[in-house]
Amino acid sequence: MPYVVSIIPSKKSPDGLPLGRGTKVLLSNGEYLEGINSIQIDIKPNDCWKAFIEVIPSKQDEVEALLQLVPQDTKENNG
């Protein structure tokens, strides 16, 4: 059965944009995915969101996951 993951954006830069560094991937079992090199989110018409997460291996089991988008809390990310 696939895991559900939450992609949690990092804090915002001084320009107000979220930075890639510091973005976290939270698995449905409460653990954070480690060794993330890149995250690419893709959507096609009449299809669901897909996230392609590239990781640097570090003795973690392979996981199959469904994406859950997490809305940003502007107060938390600005301060």
PDB file of N, CA and C in Angstrom:
ATOM      1  N   MET A   1       0.844  -1.184   0.000  1.00  0.00           N
ATOM      2  CA  MET A   1       0.000   0.000   0.000  1.00  0.00           C
ATOM      3  C   MET A   1       0.887   1.244   0.000  1.00  0.00           C
ATOM      4  N   PRO A   2       0.547   2.230  -0.828  1.00  0.00           N
ATOM      5  CA  PRO A   2       1.398   3.430  -0.902  1.00  0.00           C
ATOM      6  C   PRO A   2       1.260   4.304   0.330  1.00  0.00           C
ATOM      7  N   TYR A   3       2.319   5.036   0.615  1.00  0.00           N
ATOM      8  CA  TYR A   3       2.310   6.033   1.681  1.00  0.00           C
ATOM      9  C   TYR A   3       1.710   7.328   1.120  1.00  0.00           C
ATOM     10  N   VAL A   4       1.134   8.117   1.984  1.00  0.00           N
ATOM     11  CA  VAL A   4       0.736   9.471   1.619  1.00  0.00           C
ATOM     12  C   VAL A   4       1.841  10.381   2.137  1.00  0.00           C
ATOM     13  N   VAL A   5       2.312  11.290   1.296  1.00  0.00           N
ATOM     14  CA  VAL A   5       3.362  12.210   1.726  1.00  0.00           C
ATOM     15  C   VAL A   5       2.840  13.632   1.706  1.00  0.00           C
ATOM     16  N   SER A   6       3.382  14.445   2.579  1.00  0.00           N
ATOM     17  CA  SER A   6       3.100  15.876   2.601  1.00  0.00           C
ATOM     18  C   SER A   6       4.390  16.596   2.262  1.00  0.00           C
ATOM     19  N   ILE A   7       4.342  17.483   1.288  1.00  0.00           N
ATOM     20  CA  ILE A   7       5.511  18.284   0.933  1.00  0.00           C
ATOM     21  C   ILE A   7       5.348  19.618   1.646  1.00  0.00           C
ATOM     22  N   ILE A   8       6.273  19.906   2.551  1.00  0.00           N
ATOM     23  CA  ILE A   8       6.193  21.093   3.401  1.00  0.00           C
ATOM     24  C   ILE A   8       7.240  22.090   2.918  1.00  0.00           C
ATOM     25  N   PRO A   9       6.784  23.205   2.318  1.00  0.00           N
ATOM     26  CA  PRO A   9       7.736  24.201   1.809  1.00  0.00           C
ATOM     27  C   PRO A   9       8.569  24.798   2.925  1.00  0.00           C
ATOM     28  N   SER A  10       9.752  25.283   2.552  1.00  0.00           N
ATOM     29  CA  SER A  10      10.641  25.929   3.518  1.00  0.00           C
ATOM     30  C   SER A  10      10.131  27.328   3.832  1.00  0.00           C
ATOM     31  N   LYS A  11      10.843  27.995   4.715  1.00  0.00           N
ATOM     32  CA  LYS A  11      10.504  29.385   5.029  1.00  0.00           C
ATOM     33  C   LYS A  11      10.730  30.244   3.793  1.00  0.00           C
ATOM     34  N   LYS A  12      10.060  31.376   3.760  1.00  0.00           N
ATOM     35  CA  LYS A  12      10.183  32.272   2.609  1.00  0.00           C
ATOM     36  C   LYS A  12      11.478  33.077   2.656  1.00  0.00           C
ATOM     37  N   SER A  13      11.965  33.397   1.468  1.00  0.00           N
ATOM     38  CA  SER A  13      13.150  34.243   1.342  1.00  0.00           C
ATOM     39  C   SER A  13      12.744  35.690   1.606  1.00  0.00           C
ATOM     40  N   PRO A  14      13.710  36.606   1.704  1.00  0.00           N
ATOM     41  CA  PRO A  14      13.365  38.027   1.877  1.00  0.00           C
ATOM     42  C   PRO A  14      12.481  38.559   0.742  1.00  0.00           C
ATOM     43  N   ASP A  15      12.530  37.910  -0.435  1.00  0.00           N
ATOM     44  CA  ASP A  15      11.703  38.321  -1.574  1.00  0.00           C
ATOM     45  C   ASP A  15      10.275  37.789  -1.465  1.00  0.00           C
ATOM     46  N   GLY A  16      10.009  36.959  -0.448  1.00  0.00           N
ATOM     47  CA  GLY A  16       8.663  36.409  -0.261  1.00  0.00           C
ATOM     48  C   GLY A  16       8.414  35.083  -0.944  1.00  0.00           C
ATOM     49  N   LEU A  17       9.431  34.513  -1.583  1.00  0.00           N
ATOM     50  CA  LEU A  17       9.278  33.230  -2.269  1.00  0.00           C
ATOM     51  C   LEU A  17       9.829  32.103  -1.407  1.00  0.00           C
ATOM     52  N   PRO A  18       9.151  30.948  -1.388  1.00  0.00           N
ATOM     53  CA  PRO A  18       9.702  29.828  -0.622  1.00  0.00           C
ATOM     54  C   PRO A  18      10.975  29.307  -1.286  1.00  0.00           C
ATOM     55  N   LEU A  19      11.973  28.996  -0.493  1.00  0.00           N
ATOM     56  CA  LEU A  19      13.235  28.479  -1.001  1.00  0.00           C
ATOM     57  C   LEU A  19      13.154  26.957  -1.108  1.00  0.00           C
ATOM     58  N   GLY A  20      13.898  26.392  -2.037  1.00  0.00           N
ATOM     59  CA  GLY A  20      13.950  24.937  -2.162  1.00  0.00           C
ATOM     60  C   GLY A  20      14.651  24.288  -0.980  1.00  0.00           C
ATOM     61  N   ARG A  21      15.756  24.911  -0.541  1.00  0.00           N
ATOM     62  CA  ARG A  21      16.499  24.354   0.595  1.00  0.00           C
ATOM     63  C   ARG A  21      15.633  24.444   1.845  1.00  0.00           C
ATOM     64  N   GLY A  22      15.511  23.343   2.531  1.00  0.00           N
ATOM     65  CA  GLY A  22      14.714  23.316   3.748  1.00  0.00           C
ATOM     66  C   GLY A  22      13.323  22.723   3.559  1.00  0.00           C
ATOM     67  N   THR A  23      12.932  22.474   2.294  1.00  0.00           N
ATOM     68  CA  THR A  23      11.651  21.820   2.038  1.00  0.00           C
ATOM     69  C   THR A  23      11.718  20.407   2.594  1.00  0.00           C
ATOM     70  N   LYS A  24      10.641  19.968   3.261  1.00  0.00           N
ATOM     71  CA  LYS A  24      10.619  18.651   3.891  1.00  0.00           C
ATOM     72  C   LYS A  24       9.535  17.783   3.277  1.00  0.00           C
ATOM     73  N   VAL A  25       9.747  16.480   3.318  1.00  0.00           N
ATOM     74  CA  VAL A  25       8.744  15.509   2.881  1.00  0.00           C
ATOM     75  C   VAL A  25       8.403  14.649   4.087  1.00  0.00           C
ATOM     76  N   LEU A  26       7.152  14.778   4.541  1.00  0.00           N
ATOM     77  CA  LEU A  26       6.676  14.041   5.698  1.00  0.00           C
ATOM     78  C   LEU A  26       5.880  12.836   5.218  1.00  0.00           C
ATOM     79  N   LEU A  27       6.285  11.647   5.672  1.00  0.00           N
ATOM     80  CA  LEU A  27       5.585  10.419   5.301  1.00  0.00           C
ATOM     81  C   LEU A  27       4.396  10.200   6.226  1.00  0.00           C
ATOM     82  N   SER A  28       3.444   9.396   5.792  1.00  0.00           N
ATOM     83  CA  SER A  28       2.234   9.161   6.586  1.00  0.00           C
ATOM     84  C   SER A  28       2.525   8.448   7.901  1.00  0.00           C
ATOM     85  N   ASN A  29       3.688   7.816   8.026  1.00  0.00           N
ATOM     86  CA  ASN A  29       4.039   7.149   9.285  1.00  0.00           C
ATOM     87  C   ASN A  29       4.714   8.104  10.277  1.00  0.00           C
ATOM     88  N   GLY A  30       4.784   9.411   9.940  1.00  0.00           N
ATOM     89  CA  GLY A  30       5.347  10.412  10.835  1.00  0.00           C
ATOM     90  C   GLY A  30       6.831  10.661  10.659  1.00  0.00           C
ATOM     91  N   GLU A  31       7.493   9.897   9.800  1.00  0.00           N
ATOM     92  CA  GLU A  31       8.926  10.088   9.559  1.00  0.00           C
ATOM     93  C   GLU A  31       9.143  11.054   8.403  1.00  0.00           C
ATOM     94  N   TYR A  32      10.275  11.762   8.452  1.00  0.00           N
ATOM     95  CA  TYR A  32      10.656  12.640   7.348  1.00  0.00           C
ATOM     96  C   TYR A  32      11.576  11.876   6.406  1.00  0.00           C
ATOM     97  N   LEU A  33      11.370  12.051   5.115  1.00  0.00           N
ATOM     98  CA  LEU A  33      12.236  11.446   4.111  1.00  0.00           C
ATOM     99  C   LEU A  33      13.569  12.172   4.145  1.00  0.00           C
ATOM    100  N   GLU A  34      14.661  11.435   4.135  1.00  0.00           N
ATOM    101  CA  GLU A  34      15.990  12.032   4.236  1.00  0.00           C
ATOM    102  C   GLU A  34      16.735  11.901   2.909  1.00  0.00           C
ATOM    103  N   GLY A  35      17.728  12.742   2.720  1.00  0.00           N
ATOM    104  CA  GLY A  35      18.591  12.675   1.548  1.00  0.00           C
ATOM    105  C   GLY A  35      17.946  13.187   0.280  1.00  0.00           C
ATOM    106  N   ILE A  36      16.995  14.103   0.395  1.00  0.00           N
ATOM    107  CA  ILE A  36      16.294  14.614  -0.790  1.00  0.00           C
ATOM    108  C   ILE A  36      17.235  15.484  -1.608  1.00  0.00           C
ATOM    109  N   ASN A  37      17.307  15.187  -2.901  1.00  0.00           N
ATOM    110  CA  ASN A  37      18.129  15.959  -3.820  1.00  0.00           C
ATOM    111  C   ASN A  37      17.263  16.924  -4.630  1.00  0.00           C
ATOM    112  N   SER A  38      16.055  16.478  -5.030  1.00  0.00           N
ATOM    113  CA  SER A  38      15.142  17.351  -5.763  1.00  0.00           C
ATOM    114  C   SER A  38      13.717  16.826  -5.663  1.00  0.00           C
ATOM    115  N   ILE A  39      12.763  17.753  -5.852  1.00  0.00           N
ATOM    116  CA  ILE A  39      11.340  17.414  -5.874  1.00  0.00           C
ATOM    117  C   ILE A  39      10.752  18.085  -7.106  1.00  0.00           C
ATOM    118  N   GLN A  40      10.041  17.305  -7.907  1.00  0.00           N
ATOM    119  CA  GLN A  40       9.386  17.841  -9.094  1.00  0.00           C
ATOM    120  C   GLN A  40       7.916  17.453  -9.014  1.00  0.00           C
ATOM    121  N   ILE A  41       7.026  18.439  -9.104  1.00  0.00           N
ATOM    122  CA  ILE A  41       5.589  18.178  -9.046  1.00  0.00           C
ATOM    123  C   ILE A  41       5.016  18.380 -10.440  1.00  0.00           C
ATOM    124  N   ASP A  42       4.166  17.431 -10.856  1.00  0.00           N
ATOM    125  CA  ASP A  42       3.631  17.434 -12.211  1.00  0.00           C
ATOM    126  C   ASP A  42       2.124  17.189 -12.165  1.00  0.00           C
ATOM    127  N   ILE A  43       1.395  17.856 -13.028  1.00  0.00           N
ATOM    128  CA  ILE A  43      -0.040  17.626 -13.182  1.00  0.00           C
ATOM    129  C   ILE A  43      -0.381  17.694 -14.662  1.00  0.00           C
ATOM    130  N   LYS A  44      -1.225  16.781 -15.088  1.00  0.00           N
ATOM    131  CA  LYS A  44      -1.699  16.766 -16.471  1.00  0.00           C
ATOM    132  C   LYS A  44      -3.225  16.843 -16.433  1.00  0.00           C
ATOM    133  N   PRO A  45      -3.846  17.374 -17.493  1.00  0.00           N
ATOM    134  CA  PRO A  45      -5.307  17.455 -17.515  1.00  0.00           C
ATOM    135  C   PRO A  45      -5.943  16.086 -17.249  1.00  0.00           C
ATOM    136  N   ASN A  46      -6.992  16.078 -16.473  1.00  0.00           N
ATOM    137  CA  ASN A  46      -7.736  14.849 -16.139  1.00  0.00           C
ATOM    138  C   ASN A  46      -6.882  13.796 -15.456  1.00  0.00           C
ATOM    139  N   ASP A  47      -5.883  14.225 -14.706  1.00  0.00           N
ATOM    140  CA  ASP A  47      -5.012  13.299 -13.994  1.00  0.00           C
ATOM    141  C   ASP A  47      -4.765  13.862 -12.594  1.00  0.00           C
ATOM    142  N   CYS A  48      -4.182  13.071 -11.727  1.00  0.00           N
ATOM    143  CA  CYS A  48      -3.889  13.541 -10.371  1.00  0.00           C
ATOM    144  C   CYS A  48      -2.473  14.119 -10.317  1.00  0.00           C
ATOM    145  N   TRP A  49      -2.206  14.868  -9.242  1.00  0.00           N
ATOM    146  CA  TRP A  49      -0.867  15.416  -9.010  1.00  0.00           C
ATOM    147  C   TRP A  49       0.108  14.261  -8.814  1.00  0.00           C
ATOM    148  N   LYS A  50       1.321  14.429  -9.316  1.00  0.00           N
ATOM    149  CA  LYS A  50       2.378  13.443  -9.117  1.00  0.00           C
ATOM    150  C   LYS A  50       3.633  14.176  -8.669  1.00  0.00           C
ATOM    151  N   ALA A  51       4.321  13.604  -7.704  1.00  0.00           N
ATOM    152  CA  ALA A  51       5.585  14.176  -7.244  1.00  0.00           C
ATOM    153  C   ALA A  51       6.691  13.183  -7.541  1.00  0.00           C
ATOM    154  N   PHE A  52       7.756  13.668  -8.141  1.00  0.00           N
ATOM    155  CA  PHE A  52       8.939  12.859  -8.408  1.00  0.00           C
ATOM    156  C   PHE A  52      10.010  13.345  -7.444  1.00  0.00           C
ATOM    157  N   ILE A  53      10.383  12.498  -6.512  1.00  0.00           N
ATOM    158  CA  ILE A  53      11.315  12.879  -5.460  1.00  0.00           C
ATOM    159  C   ILE A  53      12.614  12.109  -5.657  1.00  0.00           C
ATOM    160  N   GLU A  54      13.690  12.836  -5.908  1.00  0.00           N
ATOM    161  CA  GLU A  54      15.008  12.229  -6.091  1.00  0.00           C
ATOM    162  C   GLU A  54      15.750  12.275  -4.767  1.00  0.00           C
ATOM    163  N   VAL A  55      16.187  11.120  -4.306  1.00  0.00           N
ATOM    164  CA  VAL A  55      16.894  11.054  -3.031  1.00  0.00           C
ATOM    165  C   VAL A  55      18.269  10.424  -3.206  1.00  0.00           C
ATOM    166  N   ILE A  56      19.153  10.761  -2.300  1.00  0.00           N
ATOM    167  CA  ILE A  56      20.461  10.124  -2.222  1.00  0.00           C
ATOM    168  C   ILE A  56      20.288   8.958  -1.262  1.00  0.00           C
ATOM    169  N   PRO A  57      20.501   7.725  -1.715  1.00  0.00           N
ATOM    170  CA  PRO A  57      20.229   6.558  -0.870  1.00  0.00           C
ATOM    171  C   PRO A  57      21.002   6.578   0.443  1.00  0.00           C
ATOM    172  N   SER A  58      20.294   6.155   1.501  1.00  0.00           N
ATOM    173  CA  SER A  58      20.939   6.058   2.808  1.00  0.00           C
ATOM    174  C   SER A  58      20.249   4.983   3.647  1.00  0.00           C
ATOM    175  N   LYS A  59      20.241   3.767   3.145  1.00  0.00           N
ATOM    176  CA  LYS A  59      19.662   2.616   3.843  1.00  0.00           C
ATOM    177  C   LYS A  59      18.197   2.802   4.196  1.00  0.00           C
ATOM    178  N   GLN A  60      17.431   3.480   3.327  1.00  0.00           N
ATOM    179  CA  GLN A  60      15.994   3.616   3.531  1.00  0.00           C
ATOM    180  C   GLN A  60      15.289   2.654   2.594  1.00  0.00           C
ATOM    181  N   ASP A  61      14.174   2.110   3.058  1.00  0.00           N
ATOM    182  CA  ASP A  61      13.365   1.259   2.205  1.00  0.00           C
ATOM    183  C   ASP A  61      12.720   2.109   1.124  1.00  0.00           C
ATOM    184  N   GLU A  62      12.507   1.494  -0.043  1.00  0.00           N
ATOM    185  CA  GLU A  62      11.823   2.184  -1.122  1.00  0.00           C
ATOM    186  C   GLU A  62      10.366   2.360  -0.726  1.00  0.00           C
ATOM    187  N   VAL A  63       9.801   3.522  -1.027  1.00  0.00           N
ATOM    188  CA  VAL A  63       8.400   3.771  -0.704  1.00  0.00           C
ATOM    189  C   VAL A  63       7.652   4.201  -1.954  1.00  0.00           C
ATOM    190  N   GLU A  64       6.400   3.806  -2.022  1.00  0.00           N
ATOM    191  CA  GLU A  64       5.492   4.287  -3.052  1.00  0.00           C
ATOM    192  C   GLU A  64       4.550   5.228  -2.325  1.00  0.00           C
ATOM    193  N   ALA A  65       4.301   6.420  -2.861  1.00  0.00           N
ATOM    194  CA  ALA A  65       3.557   7.414  -2.096  1.00  0.00           C
ATOM    195  C   ALA A  65       2.548   8.154  -2.954  1.00  0.00           C
ATOM    196  N   LEU A  66       1.497   8.637  -2.308  1.00  0.00           N
ATOM    197  CA  LEU A  66       0.520   9.535  -2.905  1.00  0.00           C
ATOM    198  C   LEU A  66       0.775  10.920  -2.325  1.00  0.00           C
ATOM    199  N   LEU A  67       0.624  11.946  -3.145  1.00  0.00           N
ATOM    200  CA  LEU A  67       0.933  13.311  -2.740  1.00  0.00           C
ATOM    201  C   LEU A  67      -0.255  13.976  -2.065  1.00  0.00           C
ATOM    202  N   GLN A  68       0.003  14.677  -0.965  1.00  0.00           N
ATOM    203  CA  GLN A  68      -0.996  15.511  -0.307  1.00  0.00           C
ATOM    204  C   GLN A  68      -0.409  16.909  -0.210  1.00  0.00           C
ATOM    205  N   LEU A  69      -1.066  17.891  -0.819  1.00  0.00           N
ATOM    206  CA  LEU A  69      -0.558  19.255  -0.780  1.00  0.00           C
ATOM    207  C   LEU A  69      -0.888  19.879   0.573  1.00  0.00           C
ATOM    208  N   VAL A  70       0.065  20.618   1.131  1.00  0.00           N
ATOM    209  CA  VAL A  70      -0.107  21.266   2.425  1.00  0.00           C
ATOM    210  C   VAL A  70      -0.149  22.763   2.187  1.00  0.00           C
ATOM    211  N   PRO A  71      -1.266  23.428   2.560  1.00  0.00           N
ATOM    212  CA  PRO A  71      -1.317  24.882   2.368  1.00  0.00           C
ATOM    213  C   PRO A  71      -0.300  25.573   3.260  1.00  0.00           C
ATOM    214  N   GLN A  72       0.266  26.657   2.748  1.00  0.00           N
ATOM    215  CA  GLN A  72       1.264  27.401   3.515  1.00  0.00           C
ATOM    216  C   GLN A  72       0.596  28.289   4.526  1.00  0.00           C
ATOM    217  N   ASP A  73       1.136  28.344   5.733  1.00  0.00           N
ATOM    218  CA  ASP A  73       0.711  29.279   6.757  1.00  0.00           C
ATOM    219  C   ASP A  73       1.658  30.457   6.681  1.00  0.00           C
ATOM    220  N   THR A  74       1.178  31.579   6.183  1.00  0.00           N
ATOM    221  CA  THR A  74       2.067  32.720   5.928  1.00  0.00           C
ATOM    222  C   THR A  74       2.716  33.234   7.195  1.00  0.00           C
ATOM    223  N   LYS A  75       2.058  33.141   8.352  1.00  0.00           N
ATOM    224  CA  LYS A  75       2.664  33.596   9.606  1.00  0.00           C
ATOM    225  C   LYS A  75       3.859  32.727   9.957  1.00  0.00           C
ATOM    226  N   GLU A  76       3.718  31.409   9.810  1.00  0.00           N
ATOM    227  CA  GLU A  76       4.801  30.489  10.158  1.00  0.00           C
ATOM    228  C   GLU A  76       5.987  30.642   9.231  1.00  0.00           C
ATOM    229  N   ASN A  77       5.734  30.856   7.929  1.00  0.00           N
ATOM    230  CA  ASN A  77       6.817  30.910   6.950  1.00  0.00           C
ATOM    231  C   ASN A  77       7.478  32.282   6.886  1.00  0.00           C
ATOM    232  N   ASN A  78       6.900  33.293   7.461  1.00  0.00           N
ATOM    233  CA  ASN A  78       7.508  34.621   7.434  1.00  0.00           C
ATOM    234  C   ASN A  78       8.304  34.949   8.677  1.00  0.00           C
ATOM    235  N   GLY A  79       8.221  34.152   9.699  1.00  0.00           N
ATOM    236  CA  GLY A  79       8.864  34.565  10.915  1.00  0.00           C
ATOM    237  C   GLY A  79       9.689  33.559  11.521  1.00  0.00           C
TER     238      GLY A  79
END
